[in-house]
PDB file of N, CA and C in Angstrom:
ATOM      1  N   MET A   1       0.843  -1.184   0.000  1.00  0.00           N
ATOM      2  CA  MET A   1       0.000   0.000   0.000  1.00  0.00           C
ATOM      3  C   MET A   1       0.884   1.241   0.000  1.00  0.00           C
ATOM      4  N   VAL A   2       0.544   2.206  -0.855  1.00  0.00           N
ATOM      5  CA  VAL A   2       1.308   3.438  -0.954  1.00  0.00           C
ATOM      6  C   VAL A   2       0.745   4.442   0.037  1.00  0.00           C
ATOM      7  N   THR A   3       1.639   4.949   0.851  1.00  0.00           N
ATOM      8  CA  THR A   3       1.238   5.964   1.826  1.00  0.00           C
ATOM      9  C   THR A   3       2.039   7.237   1.576  1.00  0.00           C
ATOM     10  N   ASP A   4       1.600   8.309   2.191  1.00  0.00           N
ATOM     11  CA  ASP A   4       2.333   9.566   2.069  1.00  0.00           C
ATOM     12  C   ASP A   4       3.748   9.415   2.605  1.00  0.00           C
ATOM     13  N   GLU A   5       3.905   8.581   3.616  1.00  0.00           N
ATOM     14  CA  GLU A   5       5.234   8.345   4.193  1.00  0.00           C
ATOM     15  C   GLU A   5       6.136   7.651   3.177  1.00  0.00           C
ATOM     16  N   ASN A   6       5.597   6.681   2.440  1.00  0.00           N
ATOM     17  CA  ASN A   6       6.391   5.990   1.418  1.00  0.00           C
ATOM     18  C   ASN A   6       6.843   6.965   0.330  1.00  0.00           C
ATOM     19  N   VAL A   7       5.901   7.790  -0.117  1.00  0.00           N
ATOM     20  CA  VAL A   7       6.231   8.768  -1.158  1.00  0.00           C
ATOM     21  C   VAL A   7       7.268   9.751  -0.629  1.00  0.00           C
ATOM     22  N   ALA A   8       7.075  10.233   0.582  1.00  0.00           N
ATOM     23  CA  ALA A   8       8.006  11.189   1.175  1.00  0.00           C
ATOM     24  C   ALA A   8       9.400  10.588   1.316  1.00  0.00           C
ATOM     25  N   ALA A   9       9.462   9.310   1.630  1.00  0.00           N
ATOM     26  CA  ALA A   9      10.753   8.645   1.801  1.00  0.00           C
ATOM     27  C   ALA A   9      11.517   8.572   0.479  1.00  0.00           C
ATOM     28  N   HIS A  10      10.808   8.665  -0.629  1.00  0.00           N
ATOM     29  CA  HIS A  10      11.439   8.551  -1.950  1.00  0.00           C
ATOM     30  C   HIS A  10      11.410   9.864  -2.724  1.00  0.00           C
ATOM     31  N   ARG A  11      11.209  10.960  -2.000  1.00  0.00           N
ATOM     32  CA  ARG A  11      11.097  12.271  -2.632  1.00  0.00           C
ATOM     33  C   ARG A  11      12.304  12.578  -3.515  1.00  0.00           C
ATOM     34  N   GLU A  12      13.509  12.324  -3.050  1.00  0.00           N
ATOM     35  CA  GLU A  12      14.712  12.614  -3.837  1.00  0.00           C
ATOM     36  C   GLU A  12      14.723  11.808  -5.132  1.00  0.00           C
ATOM     37  N   THR A  13      14.298  10.573  -5.061  1.00  0.00           N
ATOM     38  CA  THR A  13      14.259   9.738  -6.262  1.00  0.00           C
ATOM     39  C   THR A  13      13.252  10.291  -7.257  1.00  0.00           C
ATOM     40  N   PHE A  14      12.060  10.668  -6.779  1.00  0.00           N
ATOM     41  CA  PHE A  14      11.067  11.252  -7.676  1.00  0.00           C
ATOM     42  C   PHE A  14      11.571  12.554  -8.296  1.00  0.00           C
ATOM     43  N   ASP A  15      12.238  13.367  -7.488  1.00  0.00           N
ATOM     44  CA  ASP A  15      12.789  14.622  -8.005  1.00  0.00           C
ATOM     45  C   ASP A  15      13.838  14.348  -9.081  1.00  0.00           C
ATOM     46  N   ARG A  16      14.673  13.346  -8.851  1.00  0.00           N
ATOM     47  CA  ARG A  16      15.704  12.997  -9.842  1.00  0.00           C
ATOM     48  C   ARG A  16      15.065  12.470 -11.122  1.00  0.00           C
ATOM     49  N   ILE A  17      14.011  11.684 -11.010  1.00  0.00           N
ATOM     50  CA  ILE A  17      13.295  11.189 -12.196  1.00  0.00           C
ATOM     51  C   ILE A  17      12.754  12.369 -13.005  1.00  0.00           C
ATOM     52  N   ARG A  18      12.170  13.339 -12.330  1.00  0.00           N
ATOM     53  CA  ARG A  18      11.648  14.521 -13.025  1.00  0.00           C
ATOM     54  C   ARG A  18      12.773  15.288 -13.728  1.00  0.00           C
ATOM     55  N   GLU A  19      13.892  15.420 -13.045  1.00  0.00           N
ATOM     56  CA  GLU A  19      15.041  16.130 -13.611  1.00  0.00           C
ATOM     57  C   GLU A  19      15.568  15.407 -14.851  1.00  0.00           C
ATOM     58  N   VAL A  20      15.721  14.096 -14.759  1.00  0.00           N
ATOM     59  CA  VAL A  20      16.232  13.305 -15.887  1.00  0.00           C
ATOM     60  C   VAL A  20      15.257  13.376 -17.063  1.00  0.00           C
ATOM     61  N   ARG A  21      13.975  13.336 -16.780  1.00  0.00           N
ATOM     62  CA  ARG A  21      12.963  13.445 -17.839  1.00  0.00           C
ATOM     63  C   ARG A  21      13.072  14.787 -18.550  1.00  0.00           C
ATOM     64  N   ALA A  22      13.224  15.857 -17.797  1.00  0.00           N
ATOM     65  CA  ALA A  22      13.363  17.191 -18.387  1.00  0.00           C
ATOM     66  C   ALA A  22      14.615  17.270 -19.255  1.00  0.00           C
ATOM     67  N   GLN A  23      15.700  16.662 -18.794  1.00  0.00           N
ATOM     68  CA  GLN A  23      16.932  16.648 -19.576  1.00  0.00           C
ATOM     69  C   GLN A  23      16.746  15.857 -20.873  1.00  0.00           C
ATOM     70  N   ALA A  24      16.027  14.751 -20.806  1.00  0.00           N
ATOM     71  CA  ALA A  24      15.783  13.937 -22.001  1.00  0.00           C
ATOM     72  C   ALA A  24      14.952  14.718 -23.019  1.00  0.00           C
ATOM     73  N   ILE A  25      13.963  15.453 -22.539  1.00  0.00           N
ATOM     74  CA  ILE A  25      13.137  16.264 -23.433  1.00  0.00           C
ATOM     75  C   ILE A  25      13.987  17.337 -24.109  1.00  0.00           C
ATOM     76  N   GLU A  26      14.835  17.984 -23.358  1.00  0.00           N
ATOM     77  CA  GLU A  26      15.727  19.009 -23.920  1.00  0.00           C
ATOM     78  C   GLU A  26      16.695  18.394 -24.919  1.00  0.00           C
ATOM     79  N   HIS A  27      17.215  17.236 -24.604  1.00  0.00           N
ATOM     80  CA  HIS A  27      18.133  16.539 -25.514  1.00  0.00           C
ATOM     81  C   HIS A  27      17.428  16.247 -26.845  1.00  0.00           C
ATOM     82  N   THR A  28      16.197  15.785 -26.779  1.00  0.00           N
ATOM     83  CA  THR A  28      15.431  15.488 -27.989  1.00  0.00           C
ATOM     84  C   THR A  28      15.220  16.758 -28.812  1.00  0.00           C
ATOM     85  N   ARG A  29      14.907  17.853 -28.147  1.00  0.00           N
ATOM     86  CA  ARG A  29      14.715  19.129 -28.845  1.00  0.00           C
ATOM     87  C   ARG A  29      15.995  19.554 -29.558  1.00  0.00           C
ATOM     88  N   LEU A  30      17.117  19.453 -28.863  1.00  0.00           N
ATOM     89  CA  LEU A  30      18.399  19.825 -29.461  1.00  0.00           C
ATOM     90  C   LEU A  30      18.765  18.893 -30.612  1.00  0.00           C
ATOM     91  N   ALA A  31      18.519  17.609 -30.458  1.00  0.00           N
ATOM     92  CA  ALA A  31      18.840  16.649 -31.523  1.00  0.00           C
ATOM     93  C   ALA A  31      18.057  16.982 -32.787  1.00  0.00           C
ATOM     94  N   ARG A  32      16.788  17.336 -32.640  1.00  0.00           N
ATOM     95  CA  ARG A  32      15.983  17.724 -33.810  1.00  0.00           C
ATOM     96  C   ARG A  32      16.547  18.982 -34.462  1.00  0.00           C
ATOM     97  N   GLN A  33      16.915  19.938 -33.639  1.00  0.00           N
ATOM     98  CA  GLN A  33      17.476  21.193 -34.146  1.00  0.00           C
ATOM     99  C   GLN A  33      18.772  20.921 -34.919  1.00  0.00           C
ATOM    100  N   PHE A  34      19.643  20.082 -34.366  1.00  0.00           N
ATOM    101  CA  PHE A  34      20.905  19.770 -35.029  1.00  0.00           C
ATOM    102  C   PHE A  34      20.684  18.987 -36.322  1.00  0.00           C
ATOM    103  N   ALA A  35      19.696  18.113 -36.345  1.00  0.00           N
ATOM    104  CA  ALA A  35      19.393  17.350 -37.560  1.00  0.00           C
ATOM    105  C   ALA A  35      18.946  18.299 -38.672  1.00  0.00           C
ATOM    106  N   LEU A  36      18.147  19.298 -38.331  1.00  0.00           N
ATOM    107  CA  LEU A  36      17.716  20.278 -39.330  1.00  0.00           C
ATOM    108  C   LEU A  36      18.898  21.089 -39.847  1.00  0.00           C
ATOM    109  N   GLU A  37      19.771  21.487 -38.944  1.00  0.00           N
ATOM    110  CA  GLU A  37      20.954  22.253 -39.356  1.00  0.00           C
ATOM    111  C   GLU A  37      21.847  21.408 -40.251  1.00  0.00           C
ATOM    112  N   ARG A  38      22.047  20.149 -39.879  1.00  0.00           N
ATOM    113  CA  ARG A  38      22.872  19.233 -40.678  1.00  0.00           C
ATOM    114  C   ARG A  38      22.288  19.088 -42.080  1.00  0.00           C
ATOM    115  N   ARG A  39      20.967  18.889 -42.148  1.00  0.00           N
ATOM    116  CA  ARG A  39      20.290  18.754 -43.438  1.00  0.00           C
ATOM    117  C   ARG A  39      20.518  19.997 -44.298  1.00  0.00           C
ATOM    118  N   ASP A  40      20.357  21.175 -43.708  1.00  0.00           N
ATOM    119  CA  ASP A  40      20.542  22.413 -44.456  1.00  0.00           C
ATOM    120  C   ASP A  40      21.979  22.563 -44.956  1.00  0.00           C
ATOM    121  N   LEU A  41      22.937  22.167 -44.130  1.00  0.00           N
ATOM    122  CA  LEU A  41      24.338  22.252 -44.541  1.00  0.00           C
ATOM    123  C   LEU A  41      24.633  21.293 -45.693  1.00  0.00           C
ATOM    124  N   ILE A  42      24.099  20.086 -45.605  1.00  0.00           N
ATOM    125  CA  ILE A  42      24.305  19.105 -46.676  1.00  0.00           C
ATOM    126  C   ILE A  42      23.652  19.605 -47.964  1.00  0.00           C
ATOM    127  N   ARG A  43      22.451  20.141 -47.869  1.00  0.00           N
ATOM    128  CA  ARG A  43      21.776  20.680 -49.056  1.00  0.00           C
ATOM    129  C   ARG A  43      22.611  21.804 -49.680  1.00  0.00           C
ATOM    130  N   GLY A  44      23.219  22.614 -48.838  1.00  0.00           N
ATOM    131  CA  GLY A  44      24.083  23.682 -49.348  1.00  0.00           C
ATOM    132  C   GLY A  44      25.262  23.122 -50.126  1.00  0.00           C
ATOM    133  N   LEU A  45      25.865  22.058 -49.617  1.00  0.00           N
ATOM    134  CA  LEU A  45      26.980  21.433 -50.335  1.00  0.00           C
ATOM    135  C   LEU A  45      26.529  20.868 -51.671  1.00  0.00           C
ATOM    136  N   ILE A  46      25.361  20.269 -51.690  1.00  0.00           N
ATOM    137  CA  ILE A  46      24.825  19.709 -52.934  1.00  0.00           C
ATOM    138  C   ILE A  46      24.555  20.831 -53.939  1.00  0.00           C
ATOM    139  N   GLU A  47      24.007  21.937 -53.458  1.00  0.00           N
ATOM    140  CA  GLU A  47      23.754  23.084 -54.340  1.00  0.00           C
ATOM    141  C   GLU A  47      25.045  23.641 -54.917  1.00  0.00           C
ATOM    142  N   GLU A  48      26.152  23.469 -54.188  1.00  0.00           N
ATOM    143  CA  GLU A  48      27.454  23.939 -54.671  1.00  0.00           C
ATOM    144  C   GLU A  48      28.118  22.926 -55.596  1.00  0.00           C
ATOM    145  N   GLY A  49      27.432  21.800 -55.835  1.00  0.00           N
ATOM    146  CA  GLY A  49      27.936  20.852 -56.826  1.00  0.00           C
ATOM    147  C   GLY A  49      28.521  19.569 -56.284  1.00  0.00           C
ATOM    148  N   LEU A  50      28.596  19.409 -54.996  1.00  0.00           N
ATOM    149  CA  LEU A  50      29.098  18.150 -54.469  1.00  0.00           C
ATOM    150  C   LEU A  50      28.013  17.085 -54.575  1.00  0.00           C
ATOM    151  N   SER A  51      28.418  15.861 -54.785  1.00  0.00           N
ATOM    152  CA  SER A  51      27.456  14.767 -54.853  1.00  0.00           C
ATOM    153  C   SER A  51      27.246  14.185 -53.456  1.00  0.00           C
ATOM    154  N   GLN A  52      26.172  13.431 -53.319  1.00  0.00           N
ATOM    155  CA  GLN A  52      25.945  12.741 -52.052  1.00  0.00           C
ATOM    156  C   GLN A  52      27.107  11.806 -51.747  1.00  0.00           C
ATOM    157  N   ALA A  53      27.639  11.167 -52.770  1.00  0.00           N
ATOM    158  CA  ALA A  53      28.771  10.258 -52.579  1.00  0.00           C
ATOM    159  C   ALA A  53      30.000  11.018 -52.081  1.00  0.00           C
ATOM    160  N   ASP A  54      30.252  12.214 -52.643  1.00  0.00           N
ATOM    161  CA  ASP A  54      31.385  13.039 -52.193  1.00  0.00           C
ATOM    162  C   ASP A  54      31.239  13.392 -50.715  1.00  0.00           C
ATOM    163  N   ILE A  55      30.053  13.822 -50.360  1.00  0.00           N
ATOM    164  CA  ILE A  55      29.784  14.214 -48.968  1.00  0.00           C
ATOM    165  C   ILE A  55      29.928  13.009 -48.048  1.00  0.00           C
ATOM    166  N   ALA A  56      29.392  11.885 -48.464  1.00  0.00           N
ATOM    167  CA  ALA A  56      29.474  10.668 -47.658  1.00  0.00           C
ATOM    168  C   ALA A  56      30.930  10.268 -47.410  1.00  0.00           C
ATOM    169  N   ARG A  57      31.734  10.309 -48.468  1.00  0.00           N
ATOM    170  CA  ARG A  57      33.154   9.948 -48.310  1.00  0.00           C
ATOM    171  C   ARG A  57      33.838  10.868 -47.300  1.00  0.00           C
ATOM    172  N   GLU A  58      33.572  12.147 -47.418  1.00  0.00           N
ATOM    173  CA  GLU A  58      34.209  13.118 -46.518  1.00  0.00           C
ATOM    174  C   GLU A  58      33.784  12.907 -45.070  1.00  0.00           C
ATOM    175  N   LEU A  59      32.518  12.540 -44.872  1.00  0.00           N
ATOM    176  CA  LEU A  59      32.013  12.350 -43.511  1.00  0.00           C
ATOM    177  C   LEU A  59      32.226  10.936 -42.985  1.00  0.00           C
ATOM    178  N   GLY A  60      32.637  10.028 -43.851  1.00  0.00           N
ATOM    179  CA  GLY A  60      32.881   8.648 -43.416  1.00  0.00           C
ATOM    180  C   GLY A  60      31.597   7.866 -43.187  1.00  0.00           C
ATOM    181  N   VAL A  61      30.575   8.189 -43.984  1.00  0.00           N
ATOM    182  CA  VAL A  61      29.300   7.474 -43.901  1.00  0.00           C
ATOM    183  C   VAL A  61      28.932   6.989 -45.296  1.00  0.00           C
ATOM    184  N   THR A  62      27.847   6.264 -45.392  1.00  0.00           N
ATOM    185  CA  THR A  62      27.408   5.788 -46.702  1.00  0.00           C
ATOM    186  C   THR A  62      26.562   6.852 -47.396  1.00  0.00           C
ATOM    187  N   ARG A  63      26.423   6.698 -48.696  1.00  0.00           N
ATOM    188  CA  ARG A  63      25.555   7.596 -49.457  1.00  0.00           C
ATOM    189  C   ARG A  63      24.116   7.467 -48.975  1.00  0.00           C
ATOM    190  N   GLN A  64      23.744   6.246 -48.607  1.00  0.00           N
ATOM    191  CA  GLN A  64      22.398   6.031 -48.084  1.00  0.00           C
ATOM    192  C   GLN A  64      22.173   6.817 -46.779  1.00  0.00           C
ATOM    193  N   ALA A  65      23.222   6.917 -45.962  1.00  0.00           N
ATOM    194  CA  ALA A  65      23.120   7.699 -44.727  1.00  0.00           C
ATOM    195  C   ALA A  65      22.870   9.178 -45.054  1.00  0.00           C
ATOM    196  N   ILE A  66      23.522   9.661 -46.097  1.00  0.00           N
ATOM    197  CA  ILE A  66      23.308  11.047 -46.521  1.00  0.00           C
ATOM    198  C   ILE A  66      21.868  11.227 -46.988  1.00  0.00           C
ATOM    199  N   GLN A  67      21.353  10.248 -47.738  1.00  0.00           N
ATOM    200  CA  GLN A  67      19.957  10.316 -48.178  1.00  0.00           C
ATOM    201  C   GLN A  67      19.011  10.385 -46.986  1.00  0.00           C
ATOM    202  N   LYS A  68      19.277   9.598 -45.961  1.00  0.00           N
ATOM    203  CA  LYS A  68      18.437   9.623 -44.762  1.00  0.00           C
ATOM    204  C   LYS A  68      18.528  10.959 -44.047  1.00  0.00           C
ATOM    205  N   MET A  69      19.741  11.523 -43.988  1.00  0.00           N
ATOM    206  CA  MET A  69      19.914  12.819 -43.341  1.00  0.00           C
ATOM    207  C   MET A  69      19.127  13.892 -44.087  1.00  0.00           C
ATOM    208  N   LEU A  70      19.079  13.794 -45.405  1.00  0.00           N
ATOM    209  CA  LEU A  70      18.350  14.766 -46.207  1.00  0.00           C
ATOM    210  C   LEU A  70      16.847  14.614 -46.065  1.00  0.00           C
ATOM    211  N   ALA A  71      16.401  13.427 -45.702  1.00  0.00           N
ATOM    212  CA  ALA A  71      14.971  13.157 -45.595  1.00  0.00           C
ATOM    213  C   ALA A  71      14.368  13.706 -44.300  1.00  0.00           C
ATOM    214  N   CYS A  72      15.189  14.051 -43.343  1.00  0.00           N
ATOM    215  CA  CYS A  72      14.673  14.536 -42.053  1.00  0.00           C
ATOM    216  C   CYS A  72      13.974  15.858 -42.175  1.00  0.00           C
TER     217      CYS A  72
END
């Protein structure tokens, strides 16, 4: 049975869970932002005449990975 005493005894753990959740949400927001920036940078390189294969070689990834990055 859950009592107020049980919850109070674990207050620090609940607070840490909330903190970690907030950090995860922020991390997800930043990851999306960086993916958009990466996509825009890759598109800029393509507009300047580089191929997906050229970009992939320089970044050490596959051409398919570049295609996926562009799809985001």
